[in-house]
Amino acid sequence: MTKSTRPFSSNRQNTFVQHTLLFFTIFLAFIFISGCATVNVGYDFPVDQVKNIQIGQTTKEEIHSIFGKPWRVGLENGFETWTYGKYRYSGLKETDAKDLIVRFTEKDIVDSYTFSTTNR
């Protein structure tokens, strides 16, 4: 007769841990899908200052001082773009969003910008 090297309580403990992890995984998935969970993505920015952006005049430095560090930096047609955005998701759907995309010239002056919001 061979003796088991693992105590009986260890098996019970492992089963308890597995069931507990499974329960919490299902519980969290249910909360997220049901819409109780809210996720915020991006950074807030002062929407009331968008009207002060002047194409061909406002500099990259001024944009940074007004809106802060951009959430994303990229290129569009070879020119730098800054994106400021704040997006709120509840469950699996977007419930509130606002974003500002600023495009700069090679001289770091605003070439164009786009502001969008869901206004919800």
PDB file of N, CA and C in Angstrom:
ATOM      1  N   MET A   1       0.825  -1.172   0.000  1.00  0.00           N
ATOM      2  CA  MET A   1       0.000   0.000   0.000  1.00  0.00           C
ATOM      3  C   MET A   1       0.880   1.251   0.000  1.00  0.00           C
ATOM      4  N   THR A   2       0.579   2.187  -0.911  1.00  0.00           N
ATOM      5  CA  THR A   2       1.373   3.393  -1.044  1.00  0.00           C
ATOM      6  C   THR A   2       0.687   4.528  -0.297  1.00  0.00           C
ATOM      7  N   LYS A   3       1.480   5.277   0.444  1.00  0.00           N
ATOM      8  CA  LYS A   3       0.940   6.418   1.168  1.00  0.00           C
ATOM      9  C   LYS A   3       1.025   7.663   0.293  1.00  0.00           C
ATOM     10  N   SER A   4       0.018   8.491   0.344  1.00  0.00           N
ATOM     11  CA  SER A   4       0.020   9.750  -0.383  1.00  0.00           C
ATOM     12  C   SER A   4       0.925  10.737   0.349  1.00  0.00           C
ATOM     13  N   THR A   5       1.691  11.491  -0.416  1.00  0.00           N
ATOM     14  CA  THR A   5       2.576  12.485   0.190  1.00  0.00           C
ATOM     15  C   THR A   5       1.854  13.799   0.440  1.00  0.00           C
ATOM     16  N   ARG A   6       0.693  13.990  -0.188  1.00  0.00           N
ATOM     17  CA  ARG A   6      -0.070  15.224   0.014  1.00  0.00           C
ATOM     18  C   ARG A   6      -1.136  14.998   1.072  1.00  0.00           C
ATOM     19  N   PRO A   7      -1.235  15.870   2.022  1.00  0.00           N
ATOM     20  CA  PRO A   7      -2.280  15.713   3.032  1.00  0.00           C
ATOM     21  C   PRO A   7      -3.660  15.949   2.411  1.00  0.00           C
ATOM     22  N   PHE A   8      -4.667  15.323   2.976  1.00  0.00           N
ATOM     23  CA  PHE A   8      -6.034  15.409   2.480  1.00  0.00           C
ATOM     24  C   PHE A   8      -6.539  16.852   2.471  1.00  0.00           C
ATOM     25  N   SER A   9      -6.185  17.647   3.442  1.00  0.00           N
ATOM     26  CA  SER A   9      -6.662  19.027   3.531  1.00  0.00           C
ATOM     27  C   SER A   9      -6.117  19.882   2.398  1.00  0.00           C
ATOM     28  N   SER A  10      -4.968  19.546   1.843  1.00  0.00           N
ATOM     29  CA  SER A  10      -4.401  20.298   0.737  1.00  0.00           C
ATOM     30  C   SER A  10      -5.278  20.196  -0.498  1.00  0.00           C
ATOM     31  N   ASN A  11      -5.818  19.018  -0.776  1.00  0.00           N
ATOM     32  CA  ASN A  11      -6.725  18.851  -1.910  1.00  0.00           C
ATOM     33  C   ASN A  11      -7.985  19.676  -1.726  1.00  0.00           C
ATOM     34  N   ARG A  12      -8.503  19.681  -0.527  1.00  0.00           N
ATOM     35  CA  ARG A  12      -9.699  20.457  -0.225  1.00  0.00           C
ATOM     36  C   ARG A  12      -9.418  21.954  -0.378  1.00  0.00           C
ATOM     37  N   GLN A  13      -8.240  22.376   0.043  1.00  0.00           N
ATOM     38  CA  GLN A  13      -7.853  23.769  -0.063  1.00  0.00           C
ATOM     39  C   GLN A  13      -7.744  24.185  -1.531  1.00  0.00           C
ATOM     40  N   ASN A  14      -7.121  23.353  -2.351  1.00  0.00           N
ATOM     41  CA  ASN A  14      -6.996  23.665  -3.777  1.00  0.00           C
ATOM     42  C   ASN A  14      -8.358  23.777  -4.440  1.00  0.00           C
ATOM     43  N   THR A  15      -9.256  22.887  -4.125  1.00  0.00           N
ATOM     44  CA  THR A  15     -10.600  22.921  -4.689  1.00  0.00           C
ATOM     45  C   THR A  15     -11.321  24.189  -4.263  1.00  0.00           C
ATOM     46  N   PHE A  16     -11.182  24.570  -3.010  1.00  0.00           N
ATOM     47  CA  PHE A  16     -11.802  25.800  -2.509  1.00  0.00           C
ATOM     48  C   PHE A  16     -11.260  27.019  -3.255  1.00  0.00           C
ATOM     49  N   VAL A  17      -9.950  27.098  -3.436  1.00  0.00           N
ATOM     50  CA  VAL A  17      -9.332  28.225  -4.144  1.00  0.00           C
ATOM     51  C   VAL A  17      -9.823  28.276  -5.587  1.00  0.00           C
ATOM     52  N   GLN A  18      -9.882  27.135  -6.255  1.00  0.00           N
ATOM     53  CA  GLN A  18     -10.352  27.095  -7.640  1.00  0.00           C
ATOM     54  C   GLN A  18     -11.801  27.556  -7.752  1.00  0.00           C
ATOM     55  N   HIS A  19     -12.648  27.091  -6.851  1.00  0.00           N
ATOM     56  CA  HIS A  19     -14.053  27.507  -6.878  1.00  0.00           C
ATOM     57  C   HIS A  19     -14.199  28.996  -6.571  1.00  0.00           C
ATOM     58  N   THR A  20     -13.404  29.491  -5.651  1.00  0.00           N
ATOM     59  CA  THR A  20     -13.454  30.910  -5.307  1.00  0.00           C
ATOM     60  C   THR A  20     -13.028  31.763  -6.495  1.00  0.00           C
ATOM     61  N   LEU A  21     -11.943  31.382  -7.159  1.00  0.00           N
ATOM     62  CA  LEU A  21     -11.482  32.127  -8.338  1.00  0.00           C
ATOM     63  C   LEU A  21     -12.528  32.089  -9.455  1.00  0.00           C
ATOM     64  N   LEU A  22     -13.129  30.957  -9.673  1.00  0.00           N
ATOM     65  CA  LEU A  22     -14.164  30.831 -10.695  1.00  0.00           C
ATOM     66  C   LEU A  22     -15.355  31.723 -10.359  1.00  0.00           C
ATOM     67  N   PHE A  23     -15.783  31.724  -9.111  1.00  0.00           N
ATOM     68  CA  PHE A  23     -16.902  32.569  -8.684  1.00  0.00           C
ATOM     69  C   PHE A  23     -16.607  34.042  -8.935  1.00  0.00           C
ATOM     70  N   PHE A  24     -15.422  34.520  -8.520  1.00  0.00           N
ATOM     71  CA  PHE A  24     -15.090  35.932  -8.698  1.00  0.00           C
ATOM     72  C   PHE A  24     -14.939  36.297 -10.163  1.00  0.00           C
ATOM     73  N   THR A  25     -14.419  35.410 -10.978  1.00  0.00           N
ATOM     74  CA  THR A  25     -14.304  35.673 -12.410  1.00  0.00           C
ATOM     75  C   THR A  25     -15.684  35.835 -13.032  1.00  0.00           C
ATOM     76  N   ILE A  26     -16.591  34.935 -12.711  1.00  0.00           N
ATOM     77  CA  ILE A  26     -17.955  35.026 -13.237  1.00  0.00           C
ATOM     78  C   ILE A  26     -18.650  36.277 -12.702  1.00  0.00           C
ATOM     79  N   PHE A  27     -18.460  36.586 -11.428  1.00  0.00           N
ATOM     80  CA  PHE A  27     -19.060  37.758 -10.810  1.00  0.00           C
ATOM     81  C   PHE A  27     -18.589  39.043 -11.492  1.00  0.00           C
ATOM     82  N   LEU A  28     -17.287  39.182 -11.716  1.00  0.00           N
ATOM     83  CA  LEU A  28     -16.744  40.384 -12.363  1.00  0.00           C
ATOM     84  C   LEU A  28     -17.216  40.493 -13.811  1.00  0.00           C
ATOM     85  N   ALA A  29     -17.270  39.380 -14.511  1.00  0.00           N
ATOM     86  CA  ALA A  29     -17.761  39.395 -15.889  1.00  0.00           C
ATOM     87  C   ALA A  29     -19.221  39.839 -15.926  1.00  0.00           C
ATOM     88  N   PHE A  30     -20.026  39.352 -15.003  1.00  0.00           N
ATOM     89  CA  PHE A  30     -21.433  39.738 -14.939  1.00  0.00           C
ATOM     90  C   PHE A  30     -21.582  41.231 -14.671  1.00  0.00           C
ATOM     91  N   ILE A  31     -20.818  41.758 -13.755  1.00  0.00           N
ATOM     92  CA  ILE A  31     -20.888  43.190 -13.442  1.00  0.00           C
ATOM     93  C   ILE A  31     -20.508  44.020 -14.660  1.00  0.00           C
ATOM     94  N   PHE A  32     -19.427  43.645 -15.333  1.00  0.00           N
ATOM     95  CA  PHE A  32     -18.976  44.412 -16.491  1.00  0.00           C
ATOM     96  C   PHE A  32     -20.013  44.372 -17.613  1.00  0.00           C
ATOM     97  N   ILE A  33     -20.529  43.206 -17.906  1.00  0.00           N
ATOM     98  CA  ILE A  33     -21.487  43.059 -19.003  1.00  0.00           C
ATOM     99  C   ILE A  33     -22.812  43.731 -18.676  1.00  0.00           C
ATOM    100  N   SER A  34     -23.215  43.698 -17.430  1.00  0.00           N
ATOM    101  CA  SER A  34     -24.509  44.262 -17.055  1.00  0.00           C
ATOM    102  C   SER A  34     -24.517  45.783 -17.062  1.00  0.00           C
ATOM    103  N   GLY A  35     -23.363  46.399 -17.178  1.00  0.00           N
ATOM    104  CA  GLY A  35     -23.328  47.849 -17.241  1.00  0.00           C
ATOM    105  C   GLY A  35     -23.046  48.518 -15.916  1.00  0.00           C
ATOM    106  N   CYS A  36     -22.798  47.755 -14.893  1.00  0.00           N
ATOM    107  CA  CYS A  36     -22.497  48.352 -13.595  1.00  0.00           C
ATOM    108  C   CYS A  36     -21.078  48.905 -13.556  1.00  0.00           C
ATOM    109  N   ALA A  37     -20.207  48.368 -14.372  1.00  0.00           N
ATOM    110  CA  ALA A  37     -18.819  48.816 -14.383  1.00  0.00           C
ATOM    111  C   ALA A  37     -18.681  50.010 -15.313  1.00  0.00           C
ATOM    112  N   THR A  38     -17.954  51.001 -14.883  1.00  0.00           N
ATOM    113  CA  THR A  38     -17.681  52.177 -15.700  1.00  0.00           C
ATOM    114  C   THR A  38     -16.177  52.309 -15.851  1.00  0.00           C
ATOM    115  N   VAL A  39     -15.751  52.522 -17.087  1.00  0.00           N
ATOM    116  CA  VAL A  39     -14.324  52.652 -17.377  1.00  0.00           C
ATOM    117  C   VAL A  39     -14.098  54.001 -18.041  1.00  0.00           C
ATOM    118  N   ASN A  40     -13.139  54.748 -17.529  1.00  0.00           N
ATOM    119  CA  ASN A  40     -12.744  56.016 -18.123  1.00  0.00           C
ATOM    120  C   ASN A  40     -11.407  55.839 -18.815  1.00  0.00           C
ATOM    121  N   VAL A  41     -11.314  56.363 -20.042  1.00  0.00           N
ATOM    122  CA  VAL A  41     -10.089  56.269 -20.829  1.00  0.00           C
ATOM    123  C   VAL A  41      -9.702  57.671 -21.255  1.00  0.00           C
ATOM    124  N   GLY A  42      -8.411  57.980 -21.207  1.00  0.00           N
ATOM    125  CA  GLY A  42      -7.924  59.291 -21.631  1.00  0.00           C
ATOM    126  C   GLY A  42      -7.844  60.261 -20.478  1.00  0.00           C
ATOM    127  N   TYR A  43      -7.688  61.531 -20.839  1.00  0.00           N
ATOM    128  CA  TYR A  43      -7.539  62.601 -19.852  1.00  0.00           C
ATOM    129  C   TYR A  43      -8.578  63.675 -20.113  1.00  0.00           C
ATOM    130  N   ASP A  44      -9.059  64.283 -19.050  1.00  0.00           N
ATOM    131  CA  ASP A  44      -9.984  65.393 -19.192  1.00  0.00           C
ATOM    132  C   ASP A  44      -9.212  66.622 -19.674  1.00  0.00           C
ATOM    133  N   PHE A  45      -9.887  67.513 -20.361  1.00  0.00           N
ATOM    134  CA  PHE A  45      -9.257  68.750 -20.832  1.00  0.00           C
ATOM    135  C   PHE A  45     -10.306  69.857 -20.825  1.00  0.00           C
ATOM    136  N   PRO A  46      -9.864  71.128 -20.773  1.00  0.00           N
ATOM    137  CA  PRO A  46     -10.812  72.245 -20.655  1.00  0.00           C
ATOM    138  C   PRO A  46     -11.521  72.547 -21.979  1.00  0.00           C
ATOM    139  N   VAL A  47     -12.714  72.010 -22.150  1.00  0.00           N
ATOM    140  CA  VAL A  47     -13.498  72.169 -23.376  1.00  0.00           C
ATOM    141  C   VAL A  47     -13.774  73.643 -23.674  1.00  0.00           C
ATOM    142  N   ASP A  48     -13.968  74.436 -22.638  1.00  0.00           N
ATOM    143  CA  ASP A  48     -14.288  75.851 -22.838  1.00  0.00           C
ATOM    144  C   ASP A  48     -13.148  76.633 -23.485  1.00  0.00           C
ATOM    145  N   GLN A  49     -11.951  76.071 -23.539  1.00  0.00           N
ATOM    146  CA  GLN A  49     -10.800  76.750 -24.140  1.00  0.00           C
ATOM    147  C   GLN A  49     -10.628  76.456 -25.632  1.00  0.00           C
ATOM    148  N   VAL A  50     -11.392  75.492 -26.158  1.00  0.00           N
ATOM    149  CA  VAL A  50     -11.266  75.125 -27.576  1.00  0.00           C
ATOM    150  C   VAL A  50     -11.532  76.324 -28.476  1.00  0.00           C
ATOM    151  N   LYS A  51     -12.471  77.165 -28.103  1.00  0.00           N
ATOM    152  CA  LYS A  51     -12.828  78.336 -28.918  1.00  0.00           C
ATOM    153  C   LYS A  51     -11.673  79.326 -29.062  1.00  0.00           C
ATOM    154  N   ASN A  52     -10.661  79.225 -28.202  1.00  0.00           N
ATOM    155  CA  ASN A  52      -9.524  80.149 -28.251  1.00  0.00           C
ATOM    156  C   ASN A  52      -8.427  79.710 -29.226  1.00  0.00           C
ATOM    157  N   ILE A  53      -8.549  78.521 -29.803  1.00  0.00           N
ATOM    158  CA  ILE A  53      -7.548  78.064 -30.764  1.00  0.00           C
ATOM    159  C   ILE A  53      -7.744  78.834 -32.068  1.00  0.00           C
ATOM    160  N   GLN A  54      -6.667  79.422 -32.576  1.00  0.00           N
ATOM    161  CA  GLN A  54      -6.734  80.183 -33.821  1.00  0.00           C
ATOM    162  C   GLN A  54      -5.810  79.538 -34.854  1.00  0.00           C
ATOM    163  N   ILE A  55      -6.411  79.071 -35.937  1.00  0.00           N
ATOM    164  CA  ILE A  55      -5.650  78.429 -37.003  1.00  0.00           C
ATOM    165  C   ILE A  55      -4.667  79.438 -37.593  1.00  0.00           C
ATOM    166  N   GLY A  56      -3.424  78.993 -37.754  1.00  0.00           N
ATOM    167  CA  GLY A  56      -2.381  79.846 -38.315  1.00  0.00           C
ATOM    168  C   GLY A  56      -1.729  80.776 -37.308  1.00  0.00           C
ATOM    169  N   GLN A  57      -2.208  80.766 -36.046  1.00  0.00           N
ATOM    170  CA  GLN A  57      -1.652  81.675 -35.038  1.00  0.00           C
ATOM    171  C   GLN A  57      -1.240  80.976 -33.749  1.00  0.00           C
ATOM    172  N   THR A  58      -2.080  80.088 -33.246  1.00  0.00           N
ATOM    173  CA  THR A  58      -1.797  79.433 -31.970  1.00  0.00           C
ATOM    174  C   THR A  58      -0.628  78.474 -32.137  1.00  0.00           C
ATOM    175  N   THR A  59       0.332  78.546 -31.203  1.00  0.00           N
ATOM    176  CA  THR A  59       1.540  77.711 -31.286  1.00  0.00           C
ATOM    177  C   THR A  59       1.364  76.413 -30.499  1.00  0.00           C
ATOM    178  N   LYS A  60       2.243  75.482 -30.783  1.00  0.00           N
ATOM    179  CA  LYS A  60       2.254  74.208 -30.057  1.00  0.00           C
ATOM    180  C   LYS A  60       2.476  74.462 -28.573  1.00  0.00           C
ATOM    181  N   GLU A  61       3.342  75.396 -28.257  1.00  0.00           N
ATOM    182  CA  GLU A  61       3.621  75.746 -26.854  1.00  0.00           C
ATOM    183  C   GLU A  61       2.360  76.277 -26.157  1.00  0.00           C
ATOM    184  N   GLU A  62       1.585  77.091 -26.862  1.00  0.00           N
ATOM    185  CA  GLU A  62       0.345  77.626 -26.287  1.00  0.00           C
ATOM    186  C   GLU A  62      -0.680  76.511 -26.079  1.00  0.00           C
ATOM    187  N   ILE A  63      -0.779  75.601 -27.042  1.00  0.00           N
ATOM    188  CA  ILE A  63      -1.700  74.467 -26.891  1.00  0.00           C
ATOM    189  C   ILE A  63      -1.315  73.664 -25.651  1.00  0.00           C
ATOM    190  N   HIS A  64      -0.019  73.425 -25.494  1.00  0.00           N
ATOM    191  CA  HIS A  64       0.445  72.659 -24.327  1.00  0.00           C
ATOM    192  C   HIS A  64       0.118  73.389 -23.029  1.00  0.00           C
ATOM    193  N   SER A  65       0.296  74.723 -22.998  1.00  0.00           N
ATOM    194  CA  SER A  65       0.020  75.462 -21.759  1.00  0.00           C
ATOM    195  C   SER A  65      -1.479  75.508 -21.450  1.00  0.00           C
ATOM    196  N   ILE A  66      -2.334  75.480 -22.480  1.00  0.00           N
ATOM    197  CA  ILE A  66      -3.786  75.522 -22.258  1.00  0.00           C
ATOM    198  C   ILE A  66      -4.340  74.143 -21.895  1.00  0.00           C
ATOM    199  N   PHE A  67      -3.949  73.127 -22.663  1.00  0.00           N
ATOM    200  CA  PHE A  67      -4.559  71.797 -22.540  1.00  0.00           C
ATOM    201  C   PHE A  67      -3.689  70.765 -21.835  1.00  0.00           C
ATOM    202  N   GLY A  68      -2.420  71.088 -21.624  1.00  0.00           N
ATOM    203  CA  GLY A  68      -1.533  70.153 -20.955  1.00  0.00           C
ATOM    204  C   GLY A  68      -0.942  69.137 -21.920  1.00  0.00           C
ATOM    205  N   LYS A  69      -0.423  68.077 -21.346  1.00  0.00           N
ATOM    206  CA  LYS A  69       0.194  67.016 -22.126  1.00  0.00           C
ATOM    207  C   LYS A  69      -0.885  66.277 -22.928  1.00  0.00           C
ATOM    208  N   PRO A  70      -0.658  66.064 -24.226  1.00  0.00           N
ATOM    209  CA  PRO A  70      -1.667  65.338 -25.007  1.00  0.00           C
ATOM    210  C   PRO A  70      -1.754  63.874 -24.594  1.00  0.00           C
ATOM    211  N   TRP A  71      -2.942  63.297 -24.786  1.00  0.00           N
ATOM    212  CA  TRP A  71      -3.153  61.888 -24.479  1.00  0.00           C
ATOM    213  C   TRP A  71      -2.427  61.017 -25.487  1.00  0.00           C
ATOM    214  N   ARG A  72      -2.470  61.425 -26.759  1.00  0.00           N
ATOM    215  CA  ARG A  72      -1.771  60.699 -27.815  1.00  0.00           C
ATOM    216  C   ARG A  72      -1.085  61.696 -28.731  1.00  0.00           C
ATOM    217  N   VAL A  73       0.042  61.272 -29.291  1.00  0.00           N
ATOM    218  CA  VAL A  73       0.779  62.066 -30.275  1.00  0.00           C
ATOM    219  C   VAL A  73       0.940  61.191 -31.506  1.00  0.00           C
ATOM    220  N   GLY A  74       0.721  61.768 -32.682  1.00  0.00           N
ATOM    221  CA  GLY A  74       0.843  60.988 -33.901  1.00  0.00           C
ATOM    222  C   GLY A  74       1.221  61.845 -35.088  1.00  0.00           C
ATOM    223  N   LEU A  75       1.128  61.243 -36.276  1.00  0.00           N
ATOM    224  CA  LEU A  75       1.425  61.940 -37.524  1.00  0.00           C
ATOM    225  C   LEU A  75       0.241  61.822 -38.462  1.00  0.00           C
ATOM    226  N   GLU A  76      -0.038  62.908 -39.163  1.00  0.00           N
ATOM    227  CA  GLU A  76      -1.046  62.902 -40.221  1.00  0.00           C
ATOM    228  C   GLU A  76      -0.435  63.607 -41.415  1.00  0.00           C
ATOM    229  N   ASN A  77      -0.290  62.893 -42.501  1.00  0.00           N
ATOM    230  CA  ASN A  77       0.353  63.426 -43.706  1.00  0.00           C
ATOM    231  C   ASN A  77       1.739  63.995 -43.407  1.00  0.00           C
ATOM    232  N   GLY A  78       2.451  63.367 -42.492  1.00  0.00           N
ATOM    233  CA  GLY A  78       3.809  63.785 -42.160  1.00  0.00           C
ATOM    234  C   GLY A  78       3.906  64.887 -41.121  1.00  0.00           C
ATOM    235  N   PHE A  79       2.791  65.399 -40.655  1.00  0.00           N
ATOM    236  CA  PHE A  79       2.799  66.480 -39.669  1.00  0.00           C
ATOM    237  C   PHE A  79       2.288  65.977 -38.325  1.00  0.00           C
ATOM    238  N   GLU A  80       2.845  66.538 -37.268  1.00  0.00           N
ATOM    239  CA  GLU A  80       2.510  66.094 -35.917  1.00  0.00           C
ATOM    240  C   GLU A  80       1.068  66.443 -35.563  1.00  0.00           C
ATOM    241  N   THR A  81       0.401  65.496 -34.875  1.00  0.00           N
ATOM    242  CA  THR A  81      -0.947  65.723 -34.353  1.00  0.00           C
ATOM    243  C   THR A  81      -0.963  65.381 -32.873  1.00  0.00           C
ATOM    244  N   TRP A  82      -1.726  66.146 -32.145  1.00  0.00           N
ATOM    245  CA  TRP A  82      -1.930  65.878 -30.725  1.00  0.00           C
ATOM    246  C   TRP A  82      -3.407  65.583 -30.518  1.00  0.00           C
ATOM    247  N   THR A  83      -3.678  64.573 -29.712  1.00  0.00           N
ATOM    248  CA  THR A  83      -5.055  64.225 -29.393  1.00  0.00           C
ATOM    249  C   THR A  83      -5.275  64.342 -27.892  1.00  0.00           C
ATOM    250  N   TYR A  84      -6.317  65.066 -27.554  1.00  0.00           N
ATOM    251  CA  TYR A  84      -6.796  65.146 -26.181  1.00  0.00           C
ATOM    252  C   TYR A  84      -8.133  64.435 -26.186  1.00  0.00           C
ATOM    253  N   GLY A  85      -8.329  63.502 -25.274  1.00  0.00           N
ATOM    254  CA  GLY A  85      -9.580  62.770 -25.290  1.00  0.00           C
ATOM    255  C   GLY A  85      -9.957  62.228 -23.934  1.00  0.00           C
ATOM    256  N   LYS A  86     -11.242  62.138 -23.727  1.00  0.00           N
ATOM    257  CA  LYS A  86     -11.803  61.536 -22.512  1.00  0.00           C
ATOM    258  C   LYS A  86     -13.004  60.729 -22.955  1.00  0.00           C
ATOM    259  N   TYR A  87     -12.967  59.435 -22.698  1.00  0.00           N
ATOM    260  CA  TYR A  87     -14.008  58.516 -23.146  1.00  0.00           C
ATOM    261  C   TYR A  87     -14.483  57.723 -21.944  1.00  0.00           C
ATOM    262  N   ARG A  88     -15.784  57.604 -21.811  1.00  0.00           N
ATOM    263  CA  ARG A  88     -16.378  56.870 -20.680  1.00  0.00           C
ATOM    264  C   ARG A  88     -17.221  55.727 -21.241  1.00  0.00           C
ATOM    265  N   TYR A  89     -16.961  54.535 -20.741  1.00  0.00           N
ATOM    266  CA  TYR A  89     -17.695  53.350 -21.158  1.00  0.00           C
ATOM    267  C   TYR A  89     -18.415  52.770 -19.956  1.00  0.00           C
ATOM    268  N   SER A  90     -19.657  52.383 -20.166  1.00  0.00           N
ATOM    269  CA  SER A  90     -20.430  51.717 -19.131  1.00  0.00           C
ATOM    270  C   SER A  90     -20.903  50.405 -19.731  1.00  0.00           C
ATOM    271  N   GLY A  91     -20.490  49.312 -19.127  1.00  0.00           N
ATOM    272  CA  GLY A  91     -20.769  48.018 -19.733  1.00  0.00           C
ATOM    273  C   GLY A  91     -19.957  47.893 -20.996  1.00  0.00           C
ATOM    274  N   LEU A  92     -20.590  47.619 -22.091  1.00  0.00           N
ATOM    275  CA  LEU A  92     -19.890  47.458 -23.357  1.00  0.00           C
ATOM    276  C   LEU A  92     -20.126  48.611 -24.319  1.00  0.00           C
ATOM    277  N   LYS A  93     -20.774  49.683 -23.869  1.00  0.00           N
ATOM    278  CA  LYS A  93     -21.055  50.778 -24.789  1.00  0.00           C
ATOM    279  C   LYS A  93     -20.480  52.091 -24.285  1.00  0.00           C
ATOM    280  N   GLU A  94     -20.138  52.949 -25.243  1.00  0.00           N
ATOM    281  CA  GLU A  94     -19.619  54.266 -24.920  1.00  0.00           C
ATOM    282  C   GLU A  94     -20.782  55.134 -24.458  1.00  0.00           C
ATOM    283  N   THR A  95     -20.633  55.777 -23.307  1.00  0.00           N
ATOM    284  CA  THR A  95     -21.714  56.596 -22.788  1.00  0.00           C
ATOM    285  C   THR A  95     -21.416  58.085 -22.878  1.00  0.00           C
ATOM    286  N   ASP A  96     -20.150  58.431 -22.953  1.00  0.00           N
ATOM    287  CA  ASP A  96     -19.778  59.839 -23.012  1.00  0.00           C
ATOM    288  C   ASP A  96     -18.392  59.935 -23.639  1.00  0.00           C
ATOM    289  N   ALA A  97     -18.222  60.876 -24.545  1.00  0.00           N
ATOM    290  CA  ALA A  97     -16.924  61.014 -25.193  1.00  0.00           C
ATOM    291  C   ALA A  97     -16.699  62.455 -25.624  1.00  0.00           C
ATOM    292  N   LYS A  98     -15.449  62.860 -25.565  1.00  0.00           N
ATOM    293  CA  LYS A  98     -15.061  64.152 -26.133  1.00  0.00           C
ATOM    294  C   LYS A  98     -13.606  64.026 -26.555  1.00  0.00           C
ATOM    295  N   ASP A  99     -13.301  64.598 -27.711  1.00  0.00           N
ATOM    296  CA  ASP A  99     -11.908  64.595 -28.140  1.00  0.00           C
ATOM    297  C   ASP A  99     -11.584  65.828 -28.962  1.00  0.00           C
ATOM    298  N   LEU A 100     -10.327  66.184 -28.899  1.00  0.00           N
ATOM    299  CA  LEU A 100      -9.776  67.320 -29.615  1.00  0.00           C
ATOM    300  C   LEU A 100      -8.528  66.828 -30.321  1.00  0.00           C
ATOM    301  N   ILE A 101      -8.492  66.993 -31.628  1.00  0.00           N
ATOM    302  CA  ILE A 101      -7.312  66.628 -32.408  1.00  0.00           C
ATOM    303  C   ILE A 101      -6.747  67.903 -33.006  1.00  0.00           C
ATOM    304  N   VAL A 102      -5.484  68.193 -32.701  1.00  0.00           N
ATOM    305  CA  VAL A 102      -4.827  69.407 -33.176  1.00  0.00           C
ATOM    306  C   VAL A 102      -3.711  69.005 -34.135  1.00  0.00           C
ATOM    307  N   ARG A 103      -3.723  69.581 -35.332  1.00  0.00           N
ATOM    308  CA  ARG A 103      -2.705  69.319 -36.344  1.00  0.00           C
ATOM    309  C   ARG A 103      -1.807  70.541 -36.462  1.00  0.00           C
ATOM    310  N   PHE A 104      -0.498  70.290 -36.484  1.00  0.00           N
ATOM    311  CA  PHE A 104       0.476  71.386 -36.517  1.00  0.00           C
ATOM    312  C   PHE A 104       1.200  71.449 -37.860  1.00  0.00           C
ATOM    313  N   THR A 105       1.667  72.645 -38.207  1.00  0.00           N
ATOM    314  CA  THR A 105       2.519  72.821 -39.381  1.00  0.00           C
ATOM    315  C   THR A 105       3.950  72.450 -39.005  1.00  0.00           C
ATOM    316  N   GLU A 106       4.839  72.497 -39.993  1.00  0.00           N
ATOM    317  CA  GLU A 106       6.257  72.220 -39.718  1.00  0.00           C
ATOM    318  C   GLU A 106       6.880  73.288 -38.820  1.00  0.00           C
ATOM    319  N   LYS A 107       6.216  74.436 -38.683  1.00  0.00           N
ATOM    320  CA  LYS A 107       6.706  75.515 -37.814  1.00  0.00           C
ATOM    321  C   LYS A 107       6.029  75.500 -36.449  1.00  0.00           C
ATOM    322  N   ASP A 108       5.335  74.383 -36.105  1.00  0.00           N
ATOM    323  CA  ASP A 108       4.662  74.210 -34.816  1.00  0.00           C
ATOM    324  C   ASP A 108       3.560  75.235 -34.558  1.00  0.00           C
ATOM    325  N   ILE A 109       2.838  75.571 -35.622  1.00  0.00           N
ATOM    326  CA  ILE A 109       1.663  76.438 -35.539  1.00  0.00           C
ATOM    327  C   ILE A 109       0.450  75.563 -35.865  1.00  0.00           C
ATOM    328  N   VAL A 110      -0.698  75.847 -35.246  1.00  0.00           N
ATOM    329  CA  VAL A 110      -1.904  75.069 -35.509  1.00  0.00           C
ATOM    330  C   VAL A 110      -2.310  75.229 -36.971  1.00  0.00           C
ATOM    331  N   ASP A 111      -2.386  74.086 -37.671  1.00  0.00           N
ATOM    332  CA  ASP A 111      -2.824  74.053 -39.067  1.00  0.00           C
ATOM    333  C   ASP A 111      -4.337  73.845 -39.136  1.00  0.00           C
ATOM    334  N   SER A 112      -4.852  72.963 -38.264  1.00  0.00           N
ATOM    335  CA  SER A 112      -6.293  72.713 -38.164  1.00  0.00           C
ATOM    336  C   SER A 112      -6.556  71.953 -36.874  1.00  0.00           C
ATOM    337  N   TYR A 113      -7.833  71.884 -36.511  1.00  0.00           N
ATOM    338  CA  TYR A 113      -8.204  71.091 -35.338  1.00  0.00           C
ATOM    339  C   TYR A 113      -9.625  70.590 -35.509  1.00  0.00           C
ATOM    340  N   THR A 114      -9.940  69.529 -34.790  1.00  0.00           N
ATOM    341  CA  THR A 114     -11.274  68.959 -34.788  1.00  0.00           C
ATOM    342  C   THR A 114     -11.675  68.707 -33.331  1.00  0.00           C
ATOM    343  N   PHE A 115     -12.860  69.170 -32.969  1.00  0.00           N
ATOM    344  CA  PHE A 115     -13.396  68.925 -31.636  1.00  0.00           C
ATOM    345  C   PHE A 115     -14.715  68.182 -31.787  1.00  0.00           C
ATOM    346  N   SER A 116     -14.862  67.094 -31.039  1.00  0.00           N
ATOM    347  CA  SER A 116     -16.100  66.307 -31.084  1.00  0.00           C
ATOM    348  C   SER A 116     -16.510  65.932 -29.667  1.00  0.00           C
ATOM    349  N   THR A 117     -17.830  65.862 -29.464  1.00  0.00           N
ATOM    350  CA  THR A 117     -18.365  65.441 -28.186  1.00  0.00           C
ATOM    351  C   THR A 117     -19.700  64.738 -28.392  1.00  0.00           C
ATOM    352  N   THR A 118     -20.035  63.845 -27.483  1.00  0.00           N
ATOM    353  CA  THR A 118     -21.322  63.185 -27.561  1.00  0.00           C
ATOM    354  C   THR A 118     -22.426  64.037 -26.936  1.00  0.00           C
ATOM    355  N   ASN A 119     -22.043  65.016 -26.096  1.00  0.00           N
ATOM    356  CA  ASN A 119     -23.011  65.893 -25.424  1.00  0.00           C
ATOM    357  C   ASN A 119     -24.104  65.135 -24.703  1.00  0.00           C
ATOM    358  N   ARG A 120     -23.754  64.083 -24.010  1.00  0.00           N
ATOM    359  CA  ARG A 120     -24.768  63.305 -23.265  1.00  0.00           C
ATOM    360  C   ARG A 120     -24.748  63.662 -21.824  1.00  0.00           C
TER     361      ARG A 120
END
